[in-house]
Full PDB file with SEQRES, HELIX, SHEET, SSBOND, CRYST1, ORIGX, SCALE, CONECT and MASTER records, all heavy atoms in Angstrom:
SEQRES   1 A   42  SER VAL ASP GLU ILE ALA ASP CYS ASN PHE TYR ILE VAL          
SEQRES   2 A   42  THR VAL PRO THR PRO ILE GLY ASP GLY ASN ARG PRO LEU          
SEQRES   3 A   42  LEU THR PRO LEU ARG ALA ALA SER ASN THR LEU SER GLY          
SEQRES   4 A   42  VAL LEU LYS                                                  
HELIX    1 AA1 VAL A    2  ILE A    5  5                                   4    
HELIX    2 AA2 ASP A   21  ASN A   23  5                                   3    
HELIX    3 AA3 THR A   28  SER A   38  1                                  11    
CRYST1    1.000    1.000    1.000  90.00  90.00  90.00 P 1           1          
ORIGX1      1.000000  0.000000  0.000000        0.00000                         
ORIGX2      0.000000  1.000000  0.000000        0.00000                         
ORIGX3      0.000000  0.000000  1.000000        0.00000                         
SCALE1      1.000000  0.000000  0.000000        0.00000                         
SCALE2      0.000000  1.000000  0.000000        0.00000                         
SCALE3      0.000000  0.000000  1.000000        0.00000                         
ATOM      1  N   SER A   1      -9.502  18.291  -8.766  1.00  0.00           N  
ATOM      2  CA  SER A   1      -9.407  19.557  -8.041  1.00  0.00           C  
ATOM      3  C   SER A   1      -9.195  19.296  -6.551  1.00  0.00           C  
ATOM      4  O   SER A   1     -10.007  18.620  -5.911  1.00  0.00           O  
ATOM      5  CB  SER A   1     -10.681  20.381  -8.245  1.00  0.00           C  
ATOM      6  OG  SER A   1     -10.701  21.507  -7.385  1.00  0.00           O  
ATOM      7  N   VAL A   2      -8.124  19.844  -6.020  1.00  0.00           N  
ATOM      8  CA  VAL A   2      -7.822  19.669  -4.604  1.00  0.00           C  
ATOM      9  C   VAL A   2      -8.921  20.252  -3.729  1.00  0.00           C  
ATOM     10  O   VAL A   2      -9.245  19.716  -2.662  1.00  0.00           O  
ATOM     11  CB  VAL A   2      -6.467  20.320  -4.268  1.00  0.00           C  
ATOM     12  CG1 VAL A   2      -6.182  20.229  -2.777  1.00  0.00           C  
ATOM     13  CG2 VAL A   2      -5.345  19.687  -5.074  1.00  0.00           C  
ATOM     14  N   ASP A   3      -9.510  21.345  -4.163  1.00  0.00           N  
ATOM     15  CA  ASP A   3     -10.546  22.003  -3.364  1.00  0.00           C  
ATOM     16  C   ASP A   3     -11.704  21.067  -3.047  1.00  0.00           C  
ATOM     17  O   ASP A   3     -12.344  21.197  -2.001  1.00  0.00           O  
ATOM     18  CB  ASP A   3     -11.072  23.241  -4.093  1.00  0.00           C  
ATOM     19  CG  ASP A   3     -10.032  24.344  -4.225  1.00  0.00           C  
ATOM     20  OD1 ASP A   3      -9.057  24.328  -3.430  1.00  0.00           O  
ATOM     21  OD2 ASP A   3     -10.177  25.209  -5.115  1.00  0.00           O  
ATOM     22  N   GLU A   4     -11.970  20.106  -3.939  1.00  0.00           N  
ATOM     23  CA  GLU A   4     -13.124  19.230  -3.758  1.00  0.00           C  
ATOM     24  C   GLU A   4     -12.899  18.135  -2.724  1.00  0.00           C  
ATOM     25  O   GLU A   4     -13.848  17.441  -2.358  1.00  0.00           O  
ATOM     26  CB  GLU A   4     -13.542  18.631  -5.099  1.00  0.00           C  
ATOM     27  CG  GLU A   4     -14.081  19.672  -6.083  1.00  0.00           C  
ATOM     28  CD  GLU A   4     -14.681  19.055  -7.321  1.00  0.00           C  
ATOM     29  OE1 GLU A   4     -15.173  17.902  -7.240  1.00  0.00           O  
ATOM     30  OE2 GLU A   4     -14.665  19.713  -8.387  1.00  0.00           O  
ATOM     31  N   ILE A   5     -11.667  17.969  -2.271  1.00  0.00           N  
ATOM     32  CA  ILE A   5     -11.422  16.993  -1.211  1.00  0.00           C  
ATOM     33  C   ILE A   5     -11.180  17.667   0.137  1.00  0.00           C  
ATOM     34  O   ILE A   5     -10.882  17.000   1.130  1.00  0.00           O  
ATOM     35  CB  ILE A   5     -10.234  16.065  -1.554  1.00  0.00           C  
ATOM     36  CG1 ILE A   5      -8.923  16.853  -1.665  1.00  0.00           C  
ATOM     37  CG2 ILE A   5     -10.510  15.286  -2.840  1.00  0.00           C  
ATOM     38  CD1 ILE A   5      -7.688  15.955  -1.792  1.00  0.00           C  
ATOM     39  N   ALA A   6     -11.327  18.998   0.170  1.00  0.00           N  
ATOM     40  CA  ALA A   6     -11.031  19.758   1.388  1.00  0.00           C  
ATOM     41  C   ALA A   6     -11.971  19.415   2.533  1.00  0.00           C  
ATOM     42  O   ALA A   6     -11.617  19.590   3.705  1.00  0.00           O  
ATOM     43  CB  ALA A   6     -11.087  21.260   1.093  1.00  0.00           C  
ATOM     44  N   ASP A   7     -13.165  18.920   2.210  1.00  0.00           N  
ATOM     45  CA  ASP A   7     -14.142  18.606   3.248  1.00  0.00           C  
ATOM     46  C   ASP A   7     -13.985  17.201   3.808  1.00  0.00           C  
ATOM     47  O   ASP A   7     -14.671  16.830   4.752  1.00  0.00           O  
ATOM     48  CB  ASP A   7     -15.565  18.782   2.695  1.00  0.00           C  
ATOM     49  CG  ASP A   7     -16.622  18.744   3.793  1.00  0.00           C  
ATOM     50  OD1 ASP A   7     -16.427  19.452   4.814  1.00  0.00           O  
ATOM     51  OD2 ASP A   7     -17.634  18.028   3.632  1.00  0.00           O  
ATOM     52  N   CYS A   8     -13.082  16.411   3.251  1.00  0.00           N  
ATOM     53  CA  CYS A   8     -12.859  15.059   3.754  1.00  0.00           C  
ATOM     54  C   CYS A   8     -12.156  15.111   5.110  1.00  0.00           C  
ATOM     55  O   CYS A   8     -11.484  16.093   5.444  1.00  0.00           O  
ATOM     56  CB  CYS A   8     -12.017  14.252   2.767  1.00  0.00           C  
ATOM     57  SG  CYS A   8     -12.799  13.994   1.152  1.00  0.00           S  
ATOM     58  N   ASN A   9     -12.309  14.042   5.880  1.00  0.00           N  
ATOM     59  CA  ASN A   9     -11.632  13.969   7.182  1.00  0.00           C  
ATOM     60  C   ASN A   9     -10.789  12.709   7.348  1.00  0.00           C  
ATOM     61  O   ASN A   9     -10.180  12.498   8.392  1.00  0.00           O  
ATOM     62  CB  ASN A   9     -12.634  14.095   8.331  1.00  0.00           C  
ATOM     63  CG  ASN A   9     -13.797  13.109   8.236  1.00  0.00           C  
ATOM     64  OD1 ASN A   9     -13.673  12.033   7.638  1.00  0.00           O  
ATOM     65  ND2 ASN A   9     -14.935  13.489   8.820  1.00  0.00           N  
ATOM     66  N   PHE A  10     -10.768  11.873   6.324  1.00  0.00           N  
ATOM     67  CA  PHE A  10      -9.981  10.637   6.355  1.00  0.00           C  
ATOM     68  C   PHE A  10      -9.352  10.456   4.972  1.00  0.00           C  
ATOM     69  O   PHE A  10     -10.032  10.116   4.006  1.00  0.00           O  
ATOM     70  CB  PHE A  10     -10.882   9.447   6.704  1.00  0.00           C  
ATOM     71  CG  PHE A  10     -10.138   8.173   7.027  1.00  0.00           C  
ATOM     72  CD1 PHE A  10      -9.789   7.883   8.341  1.00  0.00           C  
ATOM     73  CD2 PHE A  10      -9.812   7.260   6.032  1.00  0.00           C  
ATOM     74  CE1 PHE A  10      -9.122   6.703   8.662  1.00  0.00           C  
ATOM     75  CE2 PHE A  10      -9.147   6.092   6.334  1.00  0.00           C  
ATOM     76  CZ  PHE A  10      -8.800   5.806   7.654  1.00  0.00           C  
ATOM     77  N   TYR A  11      -8.065  10.749   4.877  1.00  0.00           N  
ATOM     78  CA  TYR A  11      -7.370  10.719   3.594  1.00  0.00           C  
ATOM     79  C   TYR A  11      -6.509   9.458   3.482  1.00  0.00           C  
ATOM     80  O   TYR A  11      -5.857   9.053   4.447  1.00  0.00           O  
ATOM     81  CB  TYR A  11      -6.485  11.953   3.429  1.00  0.00           C  
ATOM     82  CG  TYR A  11      -7.245  13.258   3.412  1.00  0.00           C  
ATOM     83  CD1 TYR A  11      -7.370  14.031   4.566  1.00  0.00           C  
ATOM     84  CD2 TYR A  11      -7.842  13.719   2.245  1.00  0.00           C  
ATOM     85  CE1 TYR A  11      -8.062  15.233   4.558  1.00  0.00           C  
ATOM     86  CE2 TYR A  11      -8.539  14.924   2.219  1.00  0.00           C  
ATOM     87  CZ  TYR A  11      -8.646  15.666   3.373  1.00  0.00           C  
ATOM     88  OH  TYR A  11      -9.341  16.862   3.344  1.00  0.00           O  
ATOM     89  N   ILE A  12      -6.515   8.873   2.298  1.00  0.00           N  
ATOM     90  CA  ILE A  12      -5.679   7.703   2.031  1.00  0.00           C  
ATOM     91  C   ILE A  12      -4.803   7.999   0.815  1.00  0.00           C  
ATOM     92  O   ILE A  12      -5.307   8.331  -0.259  1.00  0.00           O  
ATOM     93  CB  ILE A  12      -6.525   6.440   1.771  1.00  0.00           C  
ATOM     94  CG1 ILE A  12      -7.461   6.175   2.962  1.00  0.00           C  
ATOM     95  CG2 ILE A  12      -5.623   5.238   1.534  1.00  0.00           C  
ATOM     96  CD1 ILE A  12      -8.411   5.008   2.746  1.00  0.00           C  
ATOM     97  N   VAL A  13      -3.496   7.874   0.993  1.00  0.00           N  
ATOM     98  CA  VAL A  13      -2.531   8.188  -0.060  1.00  0.00           C  
ATOM     99  C   VAL A  13      -2.072   6.891  -0.722  1.00  0.00           C  
ATOM    100  O   VAL A  13      -1.540   5.993  -0.059  1.00  0.00           O  
ATOM    101  CB  VAL A  13      -1.321   8.947   0.504  1.00  0.00           C  
ATOM    102  CG1 VAL A  13      -0.300   9.226  -0.601  1.00  0.00           C  
ATOM    103  CG2 VAL A  13      -1.774  10.253   1.155  1.00  0.00           C  
ATOM    104  N   THR A  14      -2.256   6.808  -2.052  1.00  0.00           N  
ATOM    105  CA  THR A  14      -1.909   5.581  -2.772  1.00  0.00           C  
ATOM    106  C   THR A  14      -1.026   5.868  -3.985  1.00  0.00           C  
ATOM    107  O   THR A  14      -1.122   5.210  -5.010  1.00  0.00           O  
ATOM    108  CB  THR A  14      -3.179   4.840  -3.242  1.00  0.00           C  
ATOM    109  OG1 THR A  14      -3.888   5.666  -4.190  1.00  0.00           O  
ATOM    110  CG2 THR A  14      -4.095   4.538  -2.070  1.00  0.00           C  
ATOM    111  N   VAL A  15      -0.171   6.871  -3.869  1.00  0.00           N  
ATOM    112  CA  VAL A  15       0.683   7.243  -4.994  1.00  0.00           C  
ATOM    113  C   VAL A  15       1.842   6.259  -5.127  1.00  0.00           C  
ATOM    114  O   VAL A  15       2.207   5.577  -4.169  1.00  0.00           O  
ATOM    115  CB  VAL A  15       1.233   8.677  -4.823  1.00  0.00           C  
ATOM    116  CG1 VAL A  15       0.087   9.676  -4.812  1.00  0.00           C  
ATOM    117  CG2 VAL A  15       2.077   8.791  -3.557  1.00  0.00           C  
ATOM    118  N   PRO A  16       2.447   6.154  -6.319  1.00  0.00           N  
ATOM    119  CA  PRO A  16       3.570   5.227  -6.504  1.00  0.00           C  
ATOM    120  C   PRO A  16       4.818   5.670  -5.770  1.00  0.00           C  
ATOM    121  O   PRO A  16       5.018   6.861  -5.517  1.00  0.00           O  
ATOM    122  CB  PRO A  16       3.786   5.246  -8.028  1.00  0.00           C  
ATOM    123  CG  PRO A  16       3.242   6.571  -8.478  1.00  0.00           C  
ATOM    124  CD  PRO A  16       2.072   6.851  -7.567  1.00  0.00           C  
ATOM    125  N   THR A  17       5.671   4.713  -5.448  1.00  0.00           N  
ATOM    126  CA  THR A  17       6.970   4.996  -4.839  1.00  0.00           C  
ATOM    127  C   THR A  17       8.048   4.273  -5.646  1.00  0.00           C  
ATOM    128  O   THR A  17       8.466   3.166  -5.295  1.00  0.00           O  
ATOM    129  CB  THR A  17       7.010   4.554  -3.360  1.00  0.00           C  
ATOM    130  OG1 THR A  17       6.411   3.243  -3.234  1.00  0.00           O  
ATOM    131  CG2 THR A  17       6.263   5.535  -2.488  1.00  0.00           C  
ATOM    132  N   PRO A  18       8.494   4.872  -6.725  1.00  0.00           N  
ATOM    133  CA  PRO A  18       9.496   4.246  -7.607  1.00  0.00           C  
ATOM    134  C   PRO A  18      10.910   4.398  -7.055  1.00  0.00           C  
ATOM    135  O   PRO A  18      11.118   4.892  -5.942  1.00  0.00           O  
ATOM    136  CB  PRO A  18       9.316   5.019  -8.913  1.00  0.00           C  
ATOM    137  CG  PRO A  18       8.859   6.382  -8.463  1.00  0.00           C  
ATOM    138  CD  PRO A  18       8.035   6.162  -7.225  1.00  0.00           C  
ATOM    139  N   ILE A  19      11.875   3.970  -7.833  1.00  0.00           N  
ATOM    140  CA  ILE A  19      13.287   4.188  -7.510  1.00  0.00           C  
ATOM    141  C   ILE A  19      13.905   5.064  -8.592  1.00  0.00           C  
ATOM    142  O   ILE A  19      13.459   5.086  -9.739  1.00  0.00           O  
ATOM    143  CB  ILE A  19      14.075   2.871  -7.383  1.00  0.00           C  
ATOM    144  CG1 ILE A  19      13.890   1.992  -8.629  1.00  0.00           C  
ATOM    145  CG2 ILE A  19      13.674   2.134  -6.117  1.00  0.00           C  
ATOM    146  CD1 ILE A  19      14.739   0.739  -8.627  1.00  0.00           C  
ATOM    147  N   GLY A  20      14.950   5.797  -8.221  1.00  0.00           N  
ATOM    148  CA  GLY A  20      15.633   6.682  -9.150  1.00  0.00           C  
ATOM    149  C   GLY A  20      17.046   6.229  -9.432  1.00  0.00           C  
ATOM    150  O   GLY A  20      17.364   5.030  -9.366  1.00  0.00           O  
ATOM    151  N   ASP A  21      17.912   7.171  -9.706  1.00  0.00           N  
ATOM    152  CA  ASP A  21      19.315   6.869  -9.997  1.00  0.00           C  
ATOM    153  C   ASP A  21      19.967   6.134  -8.826  1.00  0.00           C  
ATOM    154  O   ASP A  21      19.748   6.460  -7.663  1.00  0.00           O  
ATOM    155  CB  ASP A  21      20.085   8.156 -10.291  1.00  0.00           C  
ATOM    156  CG  ASP A  21      19.589   8.852 -11.558  1.00  0.00           C  
ATOM    157  OD1 ASP A  21      18.957   8.171 -12.398  1.00  0.00           O  
ATOM    158  OD2 ASP A  21      19.821  10.073 -11.690  1.00  0.00           O  
ATOM    159  N   GLY A  22      20.779   5.147  -9.178  1.00  0.00           N  
ATOM    160  CA  GLY A  22      21.455   4.385  -8.146  1.00  0.00           C  
ATOM    161  C   GLY A  22      20.537   3.508  -7.325  1.00  0.00           C  
ATOM    162  O   GLY A  22      20.888   3.078  -6.225  1.00  0.00           O  
ATOM    163  N   ASN A  23      19.344   3.246  -7.853  1.00  0.00           N  
ATOM    164  CA  ASN A  23      18.348   2.415  -7.156  1.00  0.00           C  
ATOM    165  C   ASN A  23      17.995   2.967  -5.782  1.00  0.00           C  
ATOM    166  O   ASN A  23      17.726   2.211  -4.842  1.00  0.00           O  
ATOM    167  CB  ASN A  23      18.839   0.962  -7.038  1.00  0.00           C  
ATOM    168  CG  ASN A  23      18.955   0.272  -8.380  1.00  0.00           C  
ATOM    169  OD1 ASN A  23      18.106   0.455  -9.247  1.00  0.00           O  
ATOM    170  ND2 ASN A  23      20.024  -0.492  -8.566  1.00  0.00           N  
ATOM    171  N   ARG A  24      17.964   4.275  -5.679  1.00  0.00           N  
ATOM    172  CA  ARG A  24      17.584   4.927  -4.434  1.00  0.00           C  
ATOM    173  C   ARG A  24      16.108   5.307  -4.482  1.00  0.00           C  
ATOM    174  O   ARG A  24      15.574   5.619  -5.540  1.00  0.00           O  
ATOM    175  CB  ARG A  24      18.436   6.170  -4.200  1.00  0.00           C  
ATOM    176  CG  ARG A  24      19.927   5.864  -4.014  1.00  0.00           C  
ATOM    177  CD  ARG A  24      20.740   7.136  -3.943  1.00  0.00           C  
ATOM    178  NE  ARG A  24      20.452   7.917  -2.744  1.00  0.00           N  
ATOM    179  CZ  ARG A  24      20.981   7.716  -1.565  1.00  0.00           C  
ATOM    180  NH1 ARG A  24      21.856   6.741  -1.407  1.00  0.00           N  
ATOM    181  NH2 ARG A  24      20.670   8.474  -0.521  1.00  0.00           N  
ATOM    182  N   PRO A  25      15.430   5.251  -3.336  1.00  0.00           N  
ATOM    183  CA  PRO A  25      14.009   5.615  -3.306  1.00  0.00           C  
ATOM    184  C   PRO A  25      13.752   6.985  -3.905  1.00  0.00           C  
ATOM    185  O   PRO A  25      14.469   7.950  -3.605  1.00  0.00           O  
ATOM    186  CB  PRO A  25      13.680   5.600  -1.811  1.00  0.00           C  
ATOM    187  CG  PRO A  25      14.656   4.642  -1.211  1.00  0.00           C  
ATOM    188  CD  PRO A  25      15.917   4.815  -2.006  1.00  0.00           C  
ATOM    189  N   LEU A  26      12.735   7.055  -4.756  1.00  0.00           N  
ATOM    190  CA  LEU A  26      12.328   8.312  -5.365  1.00  0.00           C  
ATOM    191  C   LEU A  26      10.997   8.708  -4.738  1.00  0.00           C  
ATOM    192  O   LEU A  26       9.940   8.214  -5.115  1.00  0.00           O  
ATOM    193  CB  LEU A  26      12.202   8.152  -6.888  1.00  0.00           C  
ATOM    194  CG  LEU A  26      11.954   9.414  -7.706  1.00  0.00           C  
ATOM    195  CD1 LEU A  26      13.106  10.394  -7.538  1.00  0.00           C  
ATOM    196  CD2 LEU A  26      11.762   9.061  -9.174  1.00  0.00           C  
ATOM    197  N   LEU A  27      11.048   9.618  -3.801  1.00  0.00           N  
ATOM    198  CA  LEU A  27       9.881   9.968  -3.000  1.00  0.00           C  
ATOM    199  C   LEU A  27       9.131  11.185  -3.529  1.00  0.00           C  
ATOM    200  O   LEU A  27       8.281  11.741  -2.827  1.00  0.00           O  
ATOM    201  CB  LEU A  27      10.307  10.204  -1.544  1.00  0.00           C  
ATOM    202  CG  LEU A  27      10.959   8.998  -0.845  1.00  0.00           C  
ATOM    203  CD1 LEU A  27      11.392   9.376   0.569  1.00  0.00           C  
ATOM    204  CD2 LEU A  27      10.013   7.811  -0.801  1.00  0.00           C  
ATOM    205  N   THR A  28       9.409  11.582  -4.762  1.00  0.00           N  
ATOM    206  CA  THR A  28       8.763  12.764  -5.338  1.00  0.00           C  
ATOM    207  C   THR A  28       7.241  12.676  -5.324  1.00  0.00           C  
ATOM    208  O   THR A  28       6.570  13.635  -4.917  1.00  0.00           O  
ATOM    209  CB  THR A  28       9.272  12.999  -6.768  1.00  0.00           C  
ATOM    210  OG1 THR A  28      10.709  13.077  -6.755  1.00  0.00           O  
ATOM    211  CG2 THR A  28       8.706  14.299  -7.335  1.00  0.00           C  
ATOM    212  N   PRO A  29       6.623  11.553  -5.763  1.00  0.00           N  
ATOM    213  CA  PRO A  29       5.158  11.469  -5.697  1.00  0.00           C  
ATOM    214  C   PRO A  29       4.624  11.561  -4.266  1.00  0.00           C  
ATOM    215  O   PRO A  29       3.574  12.171  -4.031  1.00  0.00           O  
ATOM    216  CB  PRO A  29       4.845  10.101  -6.318  1.00  0.00           C  
ATOM    217  CG  PRO A  29       6.032   9.778  -7.164  1.00  0.00           C  
ATOM    218  CD  PRO A  29       7.201  10.352  -6.430  1.00  0.00           C  
ATOM    219  N   LEU A  30       5.345  10.947  -3.328  1.00  0.00           N  
ATOM    220  CA  LEU A  30       4.920  10.989  -1.938  1.00  0.00           C  
ATOM    221  C   LEU A  30       5.030  12.409  -1.382  1.00  0.00           C  
ATOM    222  O   LEU A  30       4.164  12.860  -0.626  1.00  0.00           O  
ATOM    223  CB  LEU A  30       5.775  10.025  -1.114  1.00  0.00           C  
ATOM    224  CG  LEU A  30       5.179   9.438   0.160  1.00  0.00           C  
ATOM    225  CD1 LEU A  30       3.876   8.724  -0.119  1.00  0.00           C  
ATOM    226  CD2 LEU A  30       6.178   8.485   0.809  1.00  0.00           C  
ATOM    227  N   ARG A  31       6.092  13.108  -1.772  1.00  0.00           N  
ATOM    228  CA  ARG A  31       6.256  14.498  -1.356  1.00  0.00           C  
ATOM    229  C   ARG A  31       5.118  15.361  -1.902  1.00  0.00           C  
ATOM    230  O   ARG A  31       4.535  16.160  -1.175  1.00  0.00           O  
ATOM    231  CB  ARG A  31       7.598  15.039  -1.847  1.00  0.00           C  
ATOM    232  CG  ARG A  31       7.854  16.516  -1.499  1.00  0.00           C  
ATOM    233  CD  ARG A  31       9.125  17.036  -2.151  1.00  0.00           C  
ATOM    234  NE  ARG A  31      10.302  16.336  -1.717  1.00  0.00           N  
ATOM    235  CZ  ARG A  31      10.967  16.611  -0.610  1.00  0.00           C  
ATOM    236  NH1 ARG A  31      10.561  17.609   0.186  1.00  0.00           N  
ATOM    237  NH2 ARG A  31      12.058  15.917  -0.285  1.00  0.00           N  
ATOM    238  N   ALA A  32       4.817  15.190  -3.191  1.00  0.00           N  
ATOM    239  CA  ALA A  32       3.766  15.987  -3.826  1.00  0.00           C  
ATOM    240  C   ALA A  32       2.415  15.737  -3.172  1.00  0.00           C  
ATOM    241  O   ALA A  32       1.650  16.679  -2.919  1.00  0.00           O  
ATOM    242  CB  ALA A  32       3.705  15.671  -5.320  1.00  0.00           C  
ATOM    243  N   ALA A  33       2.105  14.480  -2.896  1.00  0.00           N  
ATOM    244  CA  ALA A  33       0.830  14.143  -2.262  1.00  0.00           C  
ATOM    245  C   ALA A  33       0.732  14.731  -0.861  1.00  0.00           C  
ATOM    246  O   ALA A  33      -0.309  15.265  -0.463  1.00  0.00           O  
ATOM    247  CB  ALA A  33       0.648  12.634  -2.217  1.00  0.00           C  
ATOM    248  N   SER A  34       1.820  14.638  -0.103  1.00  0.00           N  
ATOM    249  CA  SER A  34       1.825  15.177   1.263  1.00  0.00           C  
ATOM    250  C   SER A  34       1.689  16.691   1.254  1.00  0.00           C  
ATOM    251  O   SER A  34       0.955  17.272   2.070  1.00  0.00           O  
ATOM    252  CB  SER A  34       3.108  14.756   1.988  1.00  0.00           C  
ATOM    253  OG  SER A  34       3.208  13.350   2.095  1.00  0.00           O  
ATOM    254  N   ASN A  35       2.396  17.346   0.328  1.00  0.00           N  
ATOM    255  CA  ASN A  35       2.271  18.803   0.212  1.00  0.00           C  
ATOM    256  C   ASN A  35       0.853  19.207  -0.181  1.00  0.00           C  
ATOM    257  O   ASN A  35       0.311  20.203   0.322  1.00  0.00           O  
ATOM    258  CB  ASN A  35       3.271  19.337  -0.806  1.00  0.00           C  
ATOM    259  CG  ASN A  35       4.698  19.361  -0.275  1.00  0.00           C  
ATOM    260  OD1 ASN A  35       4.928  19.411   0.933  1.00  0.00           O  
ATOM    261  ND2 ASN A  35       5.661  19.323  -1.182  1.00  0.00           N  
ATOM    262  N   THR A  36       0.253  18.447  -1.082  1.00  0.00           N  
ATOM    263  CA  THR A  36      -1.120  18.736  -1.494  1.00  0.00           C  
ATOM    264  C   THR A  36      -2.082  18.622  -0.314  1.00  0.00           C  
ATOM    265  O   THR A  36      -2.915  19.503  -0.085  1.00  0.00           O  
ATOM    266  CB  THR A  36      -1.560  17.772  -2.611  1.00  0.00           C  
ATOM    267  OG1 THR A  36      -0.760  18.013  -3.773  1.00  0.00           O  
ATOM    268  CG2 THR A  36      -3.023  17.973  -2.970  1.00  0.00           C  
ATOM    269  N   LEU A  37      -1.950  17.546   0.445  1.00  0.00           N  
ATOM    270  CA  LEU A  37      -2.842  17.347   1.589  1.00  0.00           C  
ATOM    271  C   LEU A  37      -2.618  18.370   2.691  1.00  0.00           C  
ATOM    272  O   LEU A  37      -3.552  18.733   3.404  1.00  0.00           O  
ATOM    273  CB  LEU A  37      -2.670  15.932   2.143  1.00  0.00           C  
ATOM    274  CG  LEU A  37      -3.284  14.806   1.310  1.00  0.00           C  
ATOM    275  CD1 LEU A  37      -3.033  13.457   1.968  1.00  0.00           C  
ATOM    276  CD2 LEU A  37      -4.777  15.032   1.125  1.00  0.00           C  
ATOM    277  N   SER A  38      -1.397  18.837   2.822  1.00  0.00           N  
ATOM    278  CA  SER A  38      -1.111  19.818   3.868  1.00  0.00           C  
ATOM    279  C   SER A  38      -1.920  21.094   3.681  1.00  0.00           C  
ATOM    280  O   SER A  38      -2.204  21.810   4.647  1.00  0.00           O  
ATOM    281  CB  SER A  38       0.382  20.147   3.909  1.00  0.00           C  
ATOM    282  OG  SER A  38       0.769  20.945   2.795  1.00  0.00           O  
ATOM    283  N   GLY A  39      -2.308  21.372   2.443  1.00  0.00           N  
ATOM    284  CA  GLY A  39      -3.084  22.573   2.157  1.00  0.00           C  
ATOM    285  C   GLY A  39      -4.551  22.472   2.528  1.00  0.00           C  
ATOM    286  O   GLY A  39      -5.247  23.489   2.584  1.00  0.00           O  
ATOM    287  N   VAL A  40      -5.033  21.244   2.750  1.00  0.00           N  
ATOM    288  CA  VAL A  40      -6.449  21.060   3.099  1.00  0.00           C  
ATOM    289  C   VAL A  40      -6.622  20.412   4.472  1.00  0.00           C  
ATOM    290  O   VAL A  40      -7.745  20.212   4.929  1.00  0.00           O  
ATOM    291  CB  VAL A  40      -7.177  20.204   2.038  1.00  0.00           C  
ATOM    292  CG1 VAL A  40      -7.174  20.910   0.695  1.00  0.00           C  
ATOM    293  CG2 VAL A  40      -6.553  18.814   1.905  1.00  0.00           C  
ATOM    294  N   LEU A  41      -5.504  20.094   5.138  1.00  0.00           N  
ATOM    295  CA  LEU A  41      -5.554  19.387   6.410  1.00  0.00           C  
ATOM    296  C   LEU A  41      -6.190  20.242   7.494  1.00  0.00           C  
ATOM    297  O   LEU A  41      -5.893  21.431   7.626  1.00  0.00           O  
ATOM    298  CB  LEU A  41      -4.141  18.972   6.819  1.00  0.00           C  
ATOM    299  CG  LEU A  41      -3.984  17.779   7.765  1.00  0.00           C  
ATOM    300  CD1 LEU A  41      -4.593  16.515   7.160  1.00  0.00           C  
ATOM    301  CD2 LEU A  41      -2.503  17.555   8.070  1.00  0.00           C  
ATOM    302  N   LYS A  42      -7.067  19.629   8.298  1.00  0.00           N  
ATOM    303  CA  LYS A  42      -7.775  20.320   9.368  1.00  0.00           C  
ATOM    304  C   LYS A  42      -7.577  19.574  10.677  1.00  0.00           C  
ATOM    305  O   LYS A  42      -7.135  18.414  10.690  1.00  0.00           O  
ATOM    306  CB  LYS A  42      -9.271  20.389   9.038  1.00  0.00           C  
ATOM    307  CG  LYS A  42      -9.602  20.953   7.673  1.00  0.00           C  
ATOM    308  CD  LYS A  42     -11.054  20.855   7.315  1.00  0.00           C  
ATOM    309  CE  LYS A  42     -11.547  19.416   7.297  1.00  0.00           C  
ATOM    310  NZ  LYS A  42     -10.887  18.578   6.238  1.00  0.00           N  
TER     311      LYS A  42                                                      
MASTER        0    0    0    3    0    0    0    6  310    1    0    4          
END                                                                             
């Protein structure tokens, strides 16, 4: 639950960063994590 990390003040993101078509960086997990944190950032 994202709500349960809302009180934290030091976040560490450790999501995978795979590659997609054409061996190009696939930043979808990084995007999702950043969007999630943006909702609780203070």
